[in-house]
Amino acid sequence: MKGSSVLIVEDSPMVWKVLKHLFEARKDLSPSFAANLNEAERYLNNAEKTYLVAVADLNLPDAPNGEVVDRILHANIPCIVLSSSYNDEKREALLDKGVVDYVVKESRYSYEYVIKLIERLQKNQFIKVLVVDDSKSSRAFIRKTLKQHLYQVLEAEDGVDALNVLQQQPDIRLMIVDYNMPNMNGYELVKHIRHKQHNKNLIIIGLSAEGGGALSAKFIKNGADDFLRKPFYHEELHCRLMHNLEEMELFEAVKDAANRDYLTGLFNRRYFFQMAEKVYGNALENNKQLSLAMLDIDYFKKINDSYGHEAGDYVLTKVADVLMQKFARFTVARVGGEEFCILFNGLNAEKSKQLLDSFRNLIAEQSLIVRDNVLSITFSIGVTDNLYNSLSDMLAKADQCLYQAKQAGRNVVIKD
């Protein structure tokens, strides 16, 4: 992956100022600024530095005819071109060369669009796209276009081949599919994915060089998210991809927010039990190891009573941060006021207890400053790996072990 470094090659102090301001709000992007081709060369020749993308002005003091673009592309770095004027022939020539986009410096919106495009490229590195087309040359063209925008690209030559690829790589997020193919055409493939496999998480864009408007309607009615007629402009494809990906990401963000506890950012009680039922059923059916832990902050009521609920909330958020870091591989939820639950898929109670003891010691060794007071936080924990007859029985047993931990003096893990 290309990281988060961005090379800006621009001789206008005003453009520098605007871009620097926009980058300040995005701490995950690291810009380097060059005022001309000579300065840019120093960055490009640094073998220890890799760039996600370069943003380059076409008209520089020592490169007045866009020479910087060729140099950037030669270094295998995606390039966004900035220009003070629009020229249709120049735009097409640059897109044919393989630049990401051609942006006219018209207003602040132009620079905001550039930042948005960079953020999209950063995300695209982790997005797998499947191109399904029986034409080798068509696949090659689409692959090249997608690679310019840093997507991970896979290929299939017909619908049957596509189904095999999707089965082998279920993390594919987007599929571009041609209509006219042997064995299984694009329309049949879309229908199979949506109606037989009930896969709603894959973005599907249909393509065709034949048929009228009825074909696009047929695709979309049966589950495609969008449709493009061949031949298409490279910018049109990327605008459609960007729009559909942003829509999916927004939906996923809303869905994730609904599953999170508003204060700590951990999963909430409702989502935890939905997830736990599925994992429990799978463990029961396939005889897999599964353990479940209930955790409770010791004397939490005293914190609220002595320092107020804001202090209590502060403690909960700090504890949640450690839980997320320590148990990132597992499902962690806040299920009550100061009560948390962890589902250890694939671990027995003994291994879970070792991890929980490590966490308990880590928390006990830390100190939190609340209103100039130093607080030490401890946890009582109960854990079980006995599946019993239901998830509810398993939860009840972990809760019983938690109660025993409280009775034993707190700050201890009790295993079933």
Protein backbone atom coordinates (compact mmCIF):
# COMPACT_ATOMS: atom_id res chain seq x y z
CA MET A 1 0.00 0.00 0.00
CA LYS A 2 1.16 3.54 -0.76
CA GLY A 3 0.69 5.14 2.66
CA SER A 4 -0.53 8.68 3.26
CA SER A 5 2.20 10.97 1.87
CA VAL A 6 1.10 13.45 -0.80
CA LEU A 7 3.46 15.44 -3.06
CA ILE A 8 2.22 18.91 -4.05
CA VAL A 9 4.07 20.55 -6.96
CA GLU A 10 2.75 24.11 -7.32
CA ASP A 11 4.38 27.52 -7.68
CA SER A 12 1.44 29.66 -6.55
CA PRO A 13 1.72 30.85 -2.89
CA MET A 14 -2.06 31.31 -2.79
CA VAL A 15 -2.69 27.69 -3.84
CA TRP A 16 -0.12 26.53 -1.26
CA LYS A 17 -1.96 28.45 1.44
CA VAL A 18 -5.36 27.00 0.53
CA LEU A 19 -4.08 23.43 0.27
CA LYS A 20 -2.10 23.66 3.52
CA HIS A 21 -5.25 24.84 5.30
CA LEU A 22 -7.30 21.96 3.88
CA PHE A 23 -4.64 19.39 4.80
CA GLU A 24 -4.52 20.66 8.40
CA ALA A 25 -8.01 19.23 8.98
CA ARG A 26 -6.87 15.81 7.74
CA LYS A 27 -4.19 14.50 10.08
CA ASP A 28 -3.98 11.17 8.24
CA LEU A 29 -2.56 12.86 5.13
CA SER A 30 1.04 14.14 5.08
CA PRO A 31 1.79 16.72 2.35
CA SER A 32 5.21 17.70 0.98
CA PHE A 33 5.37 20.93 -1.05
CA ALA A 34 7.60 21.71 -4.03
CA ALA A 35 7.52 24.99 -5.97
CA ASN A 36 9.02 23.65 -9.20
CA LEU A 37 10.18 20.52 -11.00
CA ASN A 38 13.72 20.78 -9.58
CA GLU A 39 12.40 20.71 -6.00
CA ALA A 40 10.01 17.92 -6.89
CA GLU A 41 12.94 15.86 -8.20
CA ARG A 42 14.53 15.88 -4.75
CA TYR A 43 11.41 14.31 -3.28
CA LEU A 44 10.99 11.84 -6.14
CA ASN A 45 14.62 10.73 -5.93
CA ASN A 46 14.32 9.93 -2.23
CA ALA A 47 14.15 6.13 -2.28
CA GLU A 48 12.96 6.00 1.34
CA LYS A 49 9.81 8.01 0.58
CA THR A 50 6.72 6.65 -1.16
CA TYR A 51 3.74 8.75 -2.21
CA LEU A 52 0.06 7.91 -2.33
CA VAL A 53 -0.47 10.56 -5.01
CA ALA A 54 1.04 13.74 -6.46
CA VAL A 55 -0.90 16.93 -7.22
CA ALA A 56 0.89 18.90 -9.94
CA ASP A 57 0.44 22.23 -11.71
CA LEU A 58 0.83 21.95 -15.49
CA ASN A 59 2.67 25.25 -15.84
CA LEU A 60 5.78 25.52 -13.65
CA PRO A 61 8.71 27.97 -14.04
CA ASP A 62 11.11 25.17 -15.04
CA ALA A 63 8.46 22.92 -16.64
CA PRO A 64 6.00 25.10 -18.57
CA ASN A 65 4.54 22.33 -20.74
CA GLY A 66 3.50 19.77 -18.15
CA GLU A 67 6.83 17.93 -18.01
CA VAL A 68 6.28 17.33 -14.30
CA VAL A 69 3.34 15.04 -15.09
CA ASP A 70 5.52 12.73 -17.18
CA ARG A 71 8.13 12.64 -14.42
CA ILE A 72 5.53 11.75 -11.78
CA LEU A 73 3.91 9.04 -13.89
CA HIS A 74 7.37 7.65 -14.72
CA ALA A 75 7.88 7.27 -10.94
CA ASN A 76 4.68 5.16 -10.87
CA ILE A 77 2.85 7.70 -8.71
CA PRO A 78 -0.82 8.56 -9.43
CA CYS A 79 -1.09 12.18 -10.56
CA ILE A 80 -3.88 14.74 -10.17
CA VAL A 81 -3.33 17.63 -12.57
CA LEU A 82 -4.08 21.25 -11.66
CA SER A 83 -4.56 23.79 -14.45
CA SER A 84 -5.48 27.47 -14.50
CA SER A 85 -7.55 26.99 -17.67
CA TYR A 86 -9.65 24.28 -19.30
CA ASN A 87 -8.58 22.73 -22.57
CA ASP A 88 -10.56 19.75 -23.84
CA GLU A 89 -7.78 18.36 -26.04
CA LYS A 90 -5.23 18.69 -23.25
CA ARG A 91 -7.63 17.04 -20.81
CA GLU A 92 -8.13 14.02 -23.08
CA ALA A 93 -4.39 13.73 -23.75
CA LEU A 94 -3.62 13.76 -20.02
CA LEU A 95 -6.31 11.21 -19.21
CA ASP A 96 -4.94 8.99 -21.96
CA LYS A 97 -1.51 9.28 -20.34
CA GLY A 98 -3.02 7.89 -17.16
CA VAL A 99 -3.55 10.86 -14.81
CA VAL A 100 -6.18 10.42 -12.10
CA ASP A 101 -8.04 13.63 -12.94
CA TYR A 102 -7.73 17.07 -14.54
CA VAL A 103 -8.89 19.84 -12.19
CA VAL A 104 -9.27 23.51 -13.13
CA LYS A 105 -8.24 26.00 -10.43
CA GLU A 106 -11.53 27.89 -10.36
CA SER A 107 -12.40 28.28 -6.69
CA ARG A 108 -11.95 26.79 -3.23
CA TYR A 109 -14.33 24.04 -4.31
CA SER A 110 -11.72 22.84 -6.81
CA TYR A 111 -9.20 22.27 -4.02
CA GLU A 112 -11.78 20.64 -1.77
CA TYR A 113 -12.52 18.27 -4.65
CA VAL A 114 -8.80 17.47 -4.89
CA ILE A 115 -8.70 16.59 -1.17
CA LYS A 116 -11.82 14.46 -1.56
CA LEU A 117 -10.19 12.66 -4.48
CA ILE A 118 -7.04 11.99 -2.44
CA GLU A 119 -9.13 10.57 0.40
CA ARG A 120 -10.90 8.35 -2.13
CA LEU A 121 -7.56 7.06 -3.43
CA GLN A 122 -6.49 6.31 0.12
CA LYS A 123 -9.60 4.16 0.63
CA ASN A 124 -9.44 2.57 -2.82
CA GLN A 125 -6.23 0.74 -1.92
CA PHE A 126 -8.31 -1.57 0.29
CA ILE A 127 -11.21 -2.10 -2.13
CA LYS A 128 -11.34 -5.16 -4.36
CA VAL A 129 -13.13 -4.78 -7.70
CA LEU A 130 -14.11 -7.72 -9.89
CA VAL A 131 -14.26 -7.02 -13.65
CA VAL A 132 -16.43 -9.56 -15.50
CA ASP A 133 -16.18 -9.46 -19.29
CA ASP A 134 -15.49 -12.11 -21.95
CA SER A 135 -13.44 -9.60 -23.96
CA LYS A 136 -9.79 -9.68 -22.90
CA SER A 137 -9.13 -6.23 -24.36
CA SER A 138 -12.15 -4.74 -22.59
CA ARG A 139 -11.04 -6.24 -19.27
CA ALA A 140 -7.53 -4.88 -19.81
CA PHE A 141 -8.86 -1.38 -20.51
CA ILE A 142 -11.09 -1.34 -17.40
CA ARG A 143 -8.31 -2.87 -15.29
CA LYS A 144 -5.87 -0.15 -16.36
CA THR A 145 -8.45 2.56 -15.62
CA LEU A 146 -9.17 1.12 -12.15
CA LYS A 147 -5.47 0.68 -11.34
CA GLN A 148 -4.94 4.39 -11.96
CA HIS A 149 -7.27 4.95 -9.00
CA LEU A 150 -5.46 2.33 -6.88
CA TYR A 151 -8.23 -0.29 -6.69
CA GLN A 152 -7.29 -3.94 -6.24
CA VAL A 153 -8.53 -5.49 -9.49
CA LEU A 154 -9.61 -9.08 -10.15
CA GLU A 155 -10.95 -10.50 -13.40
CA ALA A 156 -13.45 -13.11 -14.62
CA GLU A 157 -14.30 -14.02 -18.21
CA ASP A 158 -17.98 -14.94 -17.69
CA GLY A 159 -20.68 -15.25 -15.02
CA VAL A 160 -19.73 -18.78 -13.95
CA ASP A 161 -16.09 -17.75 -13.51
CA ALA A 162 -17.25 -14.66 -11.57
CA LEU A 163 -19.25 -16.78 -9.08
CA ASN A 164 -16.14 -18.87 -8.39
CA VAL A 165 -14.01 -15.75 -7.80
CA LEU A 166 -16.66 -14.28 -5.48
CA GLN A 167 -16.77 -17.51 -3.48
CA GLN A 168 -12.98 -17.58 -3.12
CA GLN A 169 -12.76 -13.88 -2.22
CA PRO A 170 -15.89 -12.83 -0.31
CA ASP A 171 -14.34 -9.44 0.57
CA ILE A 172 -14.85 -8.15 -3.00
CA ARG A 173 -16.78 -4.89 -2.60
CA LEU A 174 -17.62 -3.99 -6.19
CA MET A 175 -18.32 -5.80 -9.46
CA ILE A 176 -18.35 -4.35 -12.98
CA VAL A 177 -20.12 -6.77 -15.30
CA ASP A 178 -20.70 -6.82 -19.06
CA TYR A 179 -24.05 -8.03 -20.41
CA ASN A 180 -23.15 -10.20 -23.40
CA MET A 181 -21.06 -13.19 -22.22
CA PRO A 182 -21.12 -16.97 -22.82
CA ASN A 183 -22.18 -19.55 -20.18
CA MET A 184 -23.88 -16.96 -17.98
CA ASN A 185 -24.50 -13.39 -19.15
CA GLY A 186 -24.28 -10.31 -16.97
CA TYR A 187 -28.00 -10.03 -16.33
CA GLU A 188 -28.22 -13.70 -15.22
CA LEU A 189 -25.20 -13.20 -12.97
CA VAL A 190 -26.76 -10.17 -11.24
CA LYS A 191 -30.05 -12.03 -10.79
CA HIS A 192 -28.24 -15.06 -9.32
CA ILE A 193 -26.25 -12.96 -6.84
CA ARG A 194 -29.23 -10.91 -5.67
CA HIS A 195 -32.05 -13.47 -5.73
CA LYS A 196 -30.38 -16.83 -5.12
CA GLN A 197 -27.39 -15.90 -2.99
CA HIS A 198 -29.19 -12.92 -1.40
CA ASN A 199 -25.93 -10.95 -1.45
CA LYS A 200 -26.88 -7.31 -0.85
CA ASN A 201 -23.42 -6.08 0.18
CA LEU A 202 -21.81 -6.11 -3.27
CA ILE A 203 -22.00 -2.99 -5.45
CA ILE A 204 -22.83 -4.06 -9.02
CA ILE A 205 -22.43 -1.87 -12.11
CA GLY A 206 -23.71 -3.26 -15.42
CA LEU A 207 -22.10 -2.56 -18.80
CA SER A 208 -23.23 -3.06 -22.38
CA ALA A 209 -22.51 -1.81 -25.88
CA GLU A 210 -25.83 -3.11 -27.17
CA GLY A 211 -29.56 -2.87 -26.46
CA GLY A 212 -31.69 0.14 -25.61
CA GLY A 213 -32.82 1.72 -22.39
CA ALA A 214 -34.77 -1.40 -21.51
CA LEU A 215 -31.53 -3.28 -20.84
CA SER A 216 -30.33 -0.78 -18.24
CA ALA A 217 -33.77 -0.91 -16.58
CA LYS A 218 -33.65 -4.71 -16.62
CA PHE A 219 -30.25 -4.70 -14.91
CA ILE A 220 -31.25 -2.20 -12.22
CA LYS A 221 -34.66 -3.76 -11.53
CA ASN A 222 -32.95 -7.06 -10.80
CA GLY A 223 -30.36 -5.68 -8.41
CA ALA A 224 -27.64 -3.73 -10.22
CA ASP A 225 -26.77 -0.45 -8.52
CA ASP A 226 -25.88 1.37 -11.73
CA PHE A 227 -25.44 0.92 -15.47
CA LEU A 228 -23.02 2.32 -18.06
CA ARG A 229 -23.20 2.13 -21.82
CA LYS A 230 -20.00 1.31 -23.73
CA PRO A 231 -17.95 3.17 -24.75
CA PHE A 232 -17.79 5.38 -21.68
CA TYR A 233 -15.56 8.23 -20.54
CA HIS A 234 -13.01 7.22 -17.95
CA GLU A 235 -14.25 10.10 -15.73
CA GLU A 236 -17.82 8.86 -15.98
CA LEU A 237 -16.82 5.41 -14.71
CA HIS A 238 -14.92 6.85 -11.76
CA CYS A 239 -17.71 9.27 -10.85
CA ARG A 240 -20.18 6.38 -10.79
CA LEU A 241 -17.81 4.26 -8.70
CA MET A 242 -17.18 7.11 -6.28
CA HIS A 243 -20.88 7.85 -5.91
CA ASN A 244 -21.81 4.21 -5.22
CA LEU A 245 -18.92 3.64 -2.82
CA GLU A 246 -19.70 6.80 -0.86
CA GLU A 247 -23.34 5.75 -0.62
CA MET A 248 -22.33 2.31 0.69
CA GLU A 249 -19.83 3.81 3.15
CA LEU A 250 -22.47 6.22 4.46
CA PHE A 251 -24.91 3.35 4.95
CA GLU A 252 -22.25 1.31 6.74
CA ALA A 253 -21.37 4.28 8.97
CA VAL A 254 -25.02 4.78 9.94
CA LYS A 255 -25.43 1.06 10.57
CA ASP A 256 -22.26 0.96 12.66
CA ALA A 257 -23.37 3.98 14.71
CA ALA A 258 -26.66 2.21 15.48
CA ASN A 259 -24.66 -0.75 16.81
CA ARG A 260 -22.37 1.33 19.04
CA ASP A 261 -22.69 2.57 22.58
CA TYR A 262 -22.90 6.35 22.33
CA LEU A 263 -20.42 7.01 25.16
CA THR A 264 -17.65 4.45 24.80
CA GLY A 265 -17.80 3.51 21.11
CA LEU A 266 -17.95 -0.18 22.04
CA PHE A 267 -20.71 -2.35 20.63
CA ASN A 268 -24.02 -1.91 22.44
CA ARG A 269 -26.07 -4.56 24.22
CA ARG A 270 -28.53 -5.12 21.35
CA TYR A 271 -25.83 -5.71 18.74
CA PHE A 272 -23.78 -7.89 21.08
CA PHE A 273 -26.61 -10.33 21.67
CA GLN A 274 -27.45 -10.46 17.95
CA MET A 275 -23.82 -11.26 17.15
CA ALA A 276 -23.38 -13.63 20.10
CA GLU A 277 -26.40 -15.77 19.11
CA LYS A 278 -24.87 -16.38 15.66
CA VAL A 279 -21.42 -17.17 17.04
CA TYR A 280 -22.91 -19.39 19.76
CA GLY A 281 -24.99 -21.33 17.20
CA ASN A 282 -21.93 -21.85 15.00
CA ALA A 283 -19.83 -23.05 17.96
CA LEU A 284 -22.57 -25.47 19.02
CA GLU A 285 -23.10 -26.85 15.51
CA ASN A 286 -19.41 -27.23 14.65
CA ASN A 287 -18.08 -28.14 18.10
CA LYS A 288 -15.86 -25.04 18.23
CA GLN A 289 -14.33 -23.45 21.31
CA LEU A 290 -16.12 -20.39 22.65
CA SER A 291 -15.82 -18.53 25.92
CA LEU A 292 -17.71 -15.58 27.31
CA ALA A 293 -16.66 -13.09 29.98
CA MET A 294 -18.62 -10.61 32.09
CA LEU A 295 -16.60 -7.67 33.50
CA ASP A 296 -17.63 -5.10 36.09
CA ILE A 297 -15.75 -2.03 37.36
CA ASP A 298 -15.27 -2.30 41.11
CA TYR A 299 -16.86 0.40 43.33
CA PHE A 300 -17.99 2.38 40.31
CA LYS A 301 -20.94 3.87 42.22
CA LYS A 302 -18.49 5.52 44.61
CA ILE A 303 -16.85 7.31 41.67
CA ASN A 304 -20.18 8.75 40.53
CA ASP A 305 -21.20 9.66 44.08
CA SER A 306 -17.87 11.28 44.96
CA TYR A 307 -16.93 13.02 41.74
CA GLY A 308 -20.11 13.20 39.66
CA HIS A 309 -21.38 11.43 36.55
CA GLU A 310 -18.99 13.32 34.25
CA ALA A 311 -16.10 11.71 36.11
CA GLY A 312 -17.81 8.35 35.81
CA ASP A 313 -18.22 8.85 32.07
CA TYR A 314 -14.54 9.77 31.79
CA VAL A 315 -13.54 6.53 33.55
CA LEU A 316 -15.82 4.48 31.28
CA THR A 317 -14.33 5.98 28.10
CA LYS A 318 -10.75 5.40 29.28
CA VAL A 319 -11.51 1.81 30.27
CA ALA A 320 -13.25 1.24 26.91
CA ASP A 321 -10.15 2.47 25.04
CA VAL A 322 -8.02 -0.17 26.80
CA LEU A 323 -10.64 -2.88 26.15
CA MET A 324 -10.69 -2.05 22.43
CA GLN A 325 -6.88 -2.17 22.22
CA LYS A 326 -6.42 -5.29 24.31
CA PHE A 327 -9.25 -7.32 22.77
CA ALA A 328 -9.31 -6.00 19.21
CA ARG A 329 -9.66 -9.55 17.81
CA PHE A 330 -12.81 -10.27 19.80
CA THR A 331 -16.32 -8.87 20.22
CA VAL A 332 -16.45 -6.39 23.11
CA ALA A 333 -19.61 -4.60 24.29
CA ARG A 334 -20.86 -2.35 27.02
CA VAL A 335 -23.98 -4.17 28.26
CA GLY A 336 -24.82 -2.09 31.32
CA GLY A 337 -23.73 1.01 33.24
CA GLU A 338 -20.27 -0.23 34.26
CA GLU A 339 -20.66 -3.76 32.95
CA PHE A 340 -18.93 -5.14 29.85
CA CYS A 341 -19.05 -8.41 27.96
CA ILE A 342 -16.44 -10.10 25.74
CA LEU A 343 -17.04 -12.99 23.36
CA PHE A 344 -13.86 -15.04 22.77
CA ASN A 345 -14.55 -16.94 19.57
CA GLY A 346 -12.10 -19.86 19.24
CA LEU A 347 -10.71 -19.71 22.81
CA ASN A 348 -11.41 -21.85 25.86
CA ALA A 349 -11.87 -20.34 29.33
CA GLU A 350 -8.27 -20.98 30.41
CA LYS A 351 -6.78 -19.01 27.50
CA SER A 352 -9.40 -16.29 27.92
CA LYS A 353 -8.59 -16.08 31.63
CA GLN A 354 -4.93 -15.47 30.83
CA LEU A 355 -5.85 -12.54 28.56
CA LEU A 356 -8.33 -11.19 31.10
CA ASP A 357 -5.79 -11.38 33.94
CA SER A 358 -3.31 -9.46 31.78
CA PHE A 359 -5.96 -6.80 31.12
CA ARG A 360 -6.96 -6.68 34.80
CA ASN A 361 -3.36 -6.14 35.89
CA LEU A 362 -2.83 -3.48 33.21
CA ILE A 363 -5.87 -1.51 34.40
CA ALA A 364 -4.93 -1.87 38.08
CA GLU A 365 -1.44 -0.50 37.40
CA GLN A 366 -2.76 2.62 35.67
CA SER A 367 -3.93 5.75 37.43
CA LEU A 368 -6.59 8.17 36.24
CA ILE A 369 -6.63 11.84 37.27
CA VAL A 370 -10.17 12.99 38.06
CA ARG A 371 -10.58 16.53 39.44
CA ASP A 372 -7.01 16.49 40.78
CA ASN A 373 -7.65 13.13 42.44
CA VAL A 374 -5.71 10.00 41.51
CA LEU A 375 -8.02 7.03 40.97
CA SER A 376 -7.06 3.37 40.70
CA ILE A 377 -9.54 1.25 38.79
CA THR A 378 -9.99 -2.50 39.21
CA PHE A 379 -12.23 -5.09 37.56
CA SER A 380 -14.03 -8.19 38.79
CA ILE A 381 -14.47 -10.75 36.00
CA GLY A 382 -16.30 -14.01 35.42
CA VAL A 383 -15.64 -16.30 32.44
CA THR A 384 -17.01 -19.60 31.16
CA ASP A 385 -16.54 -21.82 28.10
CA ASN A 386 -19.41 -24.20 28.90
CA LEU A 387 -22.01 -23.82 26.13
CA TYR A 388 -24.85 -25.31 28.23
CA ASN A 389 -28.25 -25.41 26.50
CA SER A 390 -28.41 -21.78 25.35
CA LEU A 391 -26.55 -18.49 25.18
CA SER A 392 -28.71 -17.25 28.06
CA ASP A 393 -27.47 -20.13 30.24
CA MET A 394 -23.89 -19.31 29.28
CA LEU A 395 -24.38 -15.65 30.16
CA ALA A 396 -25.98 -16.57 33.47
CA LYS A 397 -22.98 -18.74 34.37
CA ALA A 398 -20.47 -16.00 33.47
CA ASP A 399 -22.53 -13.58 35.57
CA GLN A 400 -22.48 -16.06 38.47
CA CYS A 401 -18.68 -16.27 38.20
CA LEU A 402 -18.56 -12.46 38.22
CA TYR A 403 -20.60 -12.44 41.45
CA GLN A 404 -18.14 -14.93 42.97
CA ALA A 405 -15.28 -12.63 41.98
CA LYS A 406 -16.98 -9.78 43.88
CA GLN A 407 -17.50 -12.03 46.90
CA ALA A 408 -13.85 -13.10 46.78
CA GLY A 409 -12.67 -9.52 47.36
CA ARG A 410 -12.83 -8.07 43.83
CA ASN A 411 -10.01 -7.44 41.32
CA VAL A 412 -9.92 -11.11 40.33
CA VAL A 413 -10.98 -13.40 37.47
CA ILE A 414 -13.12 -16.42 38.37
CA LYS A 415 -13.33 -19.21 35.78
CA ASP A 416 -16.17 -21.71 35.53
